[in-house]
Amino acid sequence: MSSLKLSNPHSVLAALESRPRDVLEIHASRNTSNEGWKQVLHSARERGIPVREPLPREAGNPRRSRDGGRVGTTFAIVREKPGVSLEALFSPGVSRGLWIALDQLQDPHNVGAVFRTAAFFGVQGILLTVDRSAPLSATVYDVASGGVESIPFTLQTNLAQGMEAAKKNHLWVLGSSEHATEDIDQIDRDRRWLLVVGNEEKGLRKLTQQRCDQLCRIAGQGVIGSLNVSVATGILIASLSRPG
């Protein structure tokens, strides 16, 4: 299993709380770290996780992570969180709930923001695809600010199979499209929904739309005709999470 360099103390704290054995070491100064990293250091010491002081020559010389993000001298090395199976993701024991599927989102900042919002609203799980999608990189974990640790997810090669698995587990599939005729406020919130959101530029693929039970949109009031996908997903999650 690969490891990541996480630079957000909130993402590291979440990993320490949920799977401390996967936190391999902490690189942070005991004297100059901010409050967030001081909490990380305290938690790491309690769990016997190695803490390494940054070398003087490293100061002021941030490096780059594998997806281009900046990695400074304060970070943690954490193993990637494993995904779950489709069967485990779509738990039959939940009578009402919301799941999310991402149809080829390519910006790791958007993926991380979706995880963070999903964790805030108590989403049941996230279905992601491997091809033409942003990998679950350190940037995703850090932007999610701990959200990756609390949301079950599955990585699949075929989104269509994942959607069919959701239907077999008594979920309804709701696609998001700015061209839909129904507004999100018209959608029945008392169902088990798999909400599918599309690529940053192209939206949902045509075949994905055809496999949805319903399509919905967010009705805007201003001159801008579209939203960033992570912002739009947050609005959709908030609406579907309200009591029916």
Protein backbone atom coordinates (compact mmCIF):
# COMPACT_ATOMS: atom_id res chain seq x y z
CA MET A 1 0.00 0.00 0.00
CA SER A 2 1.36 3.42 -0.96
CA SER A 3 1.87 6.26 1.49
CA LEU A 4 1.10 9.97 1.23
CA LYS A 5 2.63 13.14 2.65
CA LEU A 6 -0.21 15.04 4.33
CA SER A 7 0.30 18.70 5.23
CA ASN A 8 -3.09 19.56 6.76
CA PRO A 9 -3.02 18.80 10.51
CA HIS A 10 -6.79 18.14 10.47
CA SER A 11 -6.39 15.35 7.93
CA VAL A 12 -3.54 13.89 9.97
CA LEU A 13 -5.50 14.07 13.24
CA ALA A 14 -8.41 12.28 11.60
CA ALA A 15 -6.08 9.50 10.48
CA LEU A 16 -4.55 9.28 13.96
CA GLU A 17 -8.00 8.85 15.48
CA SER A 18 -9.40 6.35 12.97
CA ARG A 19 -6.33 4.27 11.93
CA PRO A 20 -3.25 5.23 13.94
CA ARG A 21 -1.24 2.22 12.72
CA ASP A 22 -1.27 3.76 9.24
CA VAL A 23 0.38 6.97 10.42
CA LEU A 24 4.04 6.11 9.95
CA GLU A 25 5.85 9.24 11.10
CA ILE A 26 5.42 12.95 11.76
CA HIS A 27 7.80 15.65 10.52
CA ALA A 28 7.19 18.75 12.64
CA SER A 29 8.96 21.06 15.04
CA ARG A 30 7.96 20.83 18.68
CA ASN A 31 8.82 24.52 19.14
CA THR A 32 7.55 26.32 16.03
CA SER A 33 4.49 24.30 14.94
CA ASN A 34 1.04 25.91 15.02
CA GLU A 35 -1.72 24.71 17.35
CA GLY A 36 -3.04 22.17 14.87
CA TRP A 37 0.32 20.48 14.51
CA LYS A 38 0.92 20.63 18.25
CA GLN A 39 -2.24 18.53 18.64
CA VAL A 40 -0.83 16.13 16.06
CA LEU A 41 2.45 15.89 17.95
CA HIS A 42 0.66 15.24 21.24
CA SER A 43 -1.51 12.52 19.68
CA ALA A 44 1.51 10.94 17.96
CA ARG A 45 3.51 10.82 21.19
CA GLU A 46 0.61 9.12 22.98
CA ARG A 47 0.54 6.45 20.27
CA GLY A 48 4.30 5.98 20.02
CA ILE A 49 4.53 7.28 16.46
CA PRO A 50 7.98 8.61 15.49
CA VAL A 51 8.33 12.40 15.37
CA ARG A 52 11.20 13.89 13.37
CA GLU A 53 12.40 17.47 13.62
CA PRO A 54 12.89 19.19 10.22
CA LEU A 55 16.54 19.66 9.30
CA PRO A 56 17.69 23.31 9.28
CA ARG A 57 18.58 23.19 5.59
CA GLU A 58 15.00 22.16 4.74
CA ALA A 59 13.49 25.34 6.15
CA GLY A 60 12.03 27.61 3.49
CA ASN A 61 12.46 25.00 0.76
CA PRO A 62 9.04 23.44 0.13
CA ARG A 63 8.88 20.40 -2.11
CA ARG A 64 6.23 19.17 -4.51
CA SER A 65 3.94 16.20 -3.98
CA ARG A 66 3.31 13.77 -6.83
CA ASP A 67 0.19 15.70 -7.93
CA GLY A 68 1.94 19.07 -7.90
CA GLY A 69 0.91 20.32 -4.46
CA ARG A 70 3.42 22.07 -2.19
CA VAL A 71 4.85 20.00 0.66
CA GLY A 72 6.73 22.01 3.29
CA THR A 73 8.86 20.80 6.15
CA THR A 74 5.84 20.00 8.33
CA PHE A 75 3.94 16.91 7.21
CA ALA A 76 2.98 13.36 8.10
CA ILE A 77 3.58 10.17 6.19
CA VAL A 78 0.32 8.22 6.15
CA ARG A 79 -0.68 5.08 4.29
CA GLU A 80 -3.55 5.43 1.85
CA LYS A 81 -6.91 4.44 3.23
CA PRO A 82 -8.25 1.30 1.51
CA GLY A 83 -11.59 1.42 -0.23
CA VAL A 84 -14.49 -0.96 0.31
CA SER A 85 -16.43 -3.24 -2.02
CA LEU A 86 -19.59 -2.15 -3.81
CA GLU A 87 -21.58 -4.51 -1.62
CA ALA A 88 -20.20 -2.93 1.54
CA LEU A 89 -20.71 0.61 0.22
CA PHE A 90 -24.43 0.29 -0.42
CA SER A 91 -25.46 -0.91 3.01
CA PRO A 92 -28.94 -2.46 2.97
CA GLY A 93 -29.46 -1.56 6.63
CA VAL A 94 -29.99 2.16 5.96
CA SER A 95 -33.64 2.94 5.17
CA ARG A 96 -33.02 6.52 4.09
CA GLY A 97 -29.71 8.00 3.07
CA LEU A 98 -27.54 9.60 0.43
CA TRP A 99 -24.59 8.25 -1.52
CA ILE A 100 -22.46 10.13 -4.07
CA ALA A 101 -20.94 8.98 -7.37
CA LEU A 102 -18.30 11.04 -9.20
CA ASP A 103 -18.32 10.73 -12.99
CA GLN A 104 -14.72 11.49 -13.96
CA LEU A 105 -13.93 14.48 -11.74
CA GLN A 106 -10.36 15.43 -12.57
CA ASP A 107 -9.44 18.21 -10.14
CA PRO A 108 -8.23 16.80 -6.80
CA HIS A 109 -9.36 19.99 -5.05
CA ASN A 110 -12.94 19.33 -6.19
CA VAL A 111 -12.77 15.70 -5.07
CA GLY A 112 -11.43 16.73 -1.67
CA ALA A 113 -14.12 19.37 -1.28
CA VAL A 114 -16.82 16.80 -2.06
CA PHE A 115 -15.43 14.47 0.60
CA ARG A 116 -15.40 17.28 3.15
CA THR A 117 -19.00 18.28 2.41
CA ALA A 118 -20.09 14.65 2.41
CA ALA A 119 -18.55 14.15 5.85
CA PHE A 120 -20.25 17.30 7.16
CA PHE A 121 -23.71 16.13 6.06
CA GLY A 122 -23.28 12.45 6.94
CA VAL A 123 -23.29 10.99 3.43
CA GLN A 124 -23.22 7.18 3.49
CA GLY A 125 -20.49 6.62 0.92
CA ILE A 126 -18.79 7.75 -2.30
CA LEU A 127 -18.34 5.83 -5.56
CA LEU A 128 -15.35 6.89 -7.67
CA THR A 129 -13.94 5.68 -10.96
CA VAL A 130 -10.29 4.95 -11.67
CA ASP A 131 -9.99 6.03 -15.31
CA ARG A 132 -9.94 9.71 -16.31
CA SER A 133 -10.43 10.74 -12.70
CA ALA A 134 -8.29 12.46 -10.11
CA PRO A 135 -6.52 9.88 -7.91
CA LEU A 136 -7.02 10.01 -4.15
CA SER A 137 -3.81 11.95 -3.66
CA ALA A 138 -2.43 13.91 -0.72
CA THR A 139 -4.18 17.00 -2.07
CA VAL A 140 -7.55 15.22 -1.87
CA TYR A 141 -6.91 14.16 1.74
CA ASP A 142 -5.75 17.62 2.78
CA VAL A 143 -8.58 19.52 1.10
CA ALA A 144 -11.05 17.04 2.65
CA SER A 145 -9.66 18.04 6.07
CA GLY A 146 -10.40 14.61 7.55
CA GLY A 147 -13.40 13.79 5.36
CA VAL A 148 -11.70 10.88 3.61
CA GLU A 149 -11.30 9.14 6.96
CA SER A 150 -15.00 9.23 7.86
CA ILE A 151 -16.64 8.43 4.50
CA PRO A 152 -16.53 4.89 3.05
CA PHE A 153 -15.56 4.89 -0.62
CA THR A 154 -15.05 2.46 -3.44
CA LEU A 155 -12.84 2.77 -6.53
CA GLN A 156 -14.29 1.07 -9.60
CA THR A 157 -13.24 0.81 -13.23
CA ASN A 158 -16.84 0.96 -14.48
CA LEU A 159 -19.31 3.56 -13.20
CA ALA A 160 -22.23 1.85 -14.93
CA GLN A 161 -21.68 -1.33 -12.91
CA GLY A 162 -21.59 0.73 -9.74
CA MET A 163 -24.88 2.40 -10.64
CA GLU A 164 -26.48 -0.97 -11.32
CA ALA A 165 -25.21 -2.29 -7.99
CA ALA A 166 -26.83 0.70 -6.30
CA LYS A 167 -30.16 -0.06 -7.97
CA LYS A 168 -29.96 -3.71 -6.92
CA ASN A 169 -29.54 -2.47 -3.35
CA HIS A 170 -32.75 -0.43 -3.64
CA LEU A 171 -31.19 2.97 -4.32
CA TRP A 172 -32.60 5.45 -6.82
CA VAL A 173 -30.05 7.11 -9.10
CA LEU A 174 -30.25 10.89 -9.45
CA GLY A 175 -28.10 12.67 -12.01
CA SER A 176 -27.13 16.33 -11.83
CA SER A 177 -27.39 18.32 -15.06
CA GLU A 178 -27.89 22.01 -15.77
CA HIS A 179 -30.13 20.92 -18.66
CA ALA A 180 -32.54 18.93 -16.46
CA THR A 181 -36.15 20.09 -16.18
CA GLU A 182 -36.68 19.25 -12.51
CA ASP A 183 -35.22 21.45 -9.79
CA ILE A 184 -33.51 19.81 -6.82
CA ASP A 185 -36.31 21.11 -4.54
CA GLN A 186 -38.80 18.93 -6.45
CA ILE A 187 -36.94 15.70 -5.68
CA ASP A 188 -38.41 13.27 -3.13
CA ARG A 189 -35.98 13.28 -0.19
CA ASP A 190 -37.42 10.20 1.49
CA ARG A 191 -35.66 7.80 -0.89
CA ARG A 192 -32.25 6.16 -0.77
CA TRP A 193 -30.43 8.25 -3.40
CA LEU A 194 -27.22 7.80 -5.32
CA LEU A 195 -26.43 11.32 -6.53
CA VAL A 196 -24.19 11.33 -9.62
CA VAL A 197 -22.21 14.46 -10.48
CA GLY A 198 -20.17 14.96 -13.62
CA ASN A 199 -16.88 16.22 -14.97
CA GLU A 200 -15.82 19.84 -14.38
CA GLU A 201 -16.15 20.81 -18.06
CA LYS A 202 -18.42 18.24 -19.73
CA GLY A 203 -20.76 17.30 -16.90
CA LEU A 204 -22.34 13.85 -16.89
CA ARG A 205 -21.58 11.63 -19.84
CA LYS A 206 -24.57 10.84 -22.05
CA LEU A 207 -24.58 7.14 -21.16
CA THR A 208 -24.42 8.03 -17.47
CA GLN A 209 -27.47 10.28 -17.85
CA GLN A 210 -29.37 7.49 -19.59
CA ARG A 211 -28.79 5.16 -16.63
CA CYS A 212 -30.18 7.65 -14.11
CA ASP A 213 -33.73 7.29 -12.80
CA GLN A 214 -34.10 11.07 -12.64
CA LEU A 215 -32.15 14.20 -13.50
CA CYS A 216 -32.17 17.43 -11.52
CA ARG A 217 -30.69 20.90 -11.67
CA ILE A 218 -30.04 23.86 -9.40
CA ALA A 219 -32.11 26.85 -10.43
CA GLY A 220 -29.97 29.99 -10.35
CA GLN A 221 -31.21 33.54 -9.81
CA GLY A 222 -28.33 35.55 -11.26
CA VAL A 223 -26.43 36.13 -14.49
CA ILE A 224 -23.90 33.28 -14.04
CA GLY A 225 -25.26 30.09 -15.61
CA SER A 226 -23.22 27.44 -13.83
CA LEU A 227 -21.39 26.58 -10.61
CA ASN A 228 -18.11 24.92 -9.76
CA VAL A 229 -18.84 21.20 -9.42
CA SER A 230 -17.85 20.96 -5.76
CA VAL A 231 -20.03 23.98 -4.88
CA ALA A 232 -22.96 22.54 -6.85
CA THR A 233 -22.49 19.16 -5.18
CA GLY A 234 -22.54 20.83 -1.77
CA ILE A 235 -25.87 22.50 -2.56
CA LEU A 236 -27.34 19.22 -3.83
CA ILE A 237 -26.14 17.29 -0.77
CA ALA A 238 -27.54 19.93 1.57
CA SER A 239 -30.93 19.83 -0.16
CA LEU A 240 -31.18 16.03 -0.23
CA SER A 241 -30.07 15.80 3.41
CA ARG A 242 -32.94 17.90 4.73
CA PRO A 243 -35.80 16.02 6.42
CA GLY A 244 -38.52 15.01 3.96
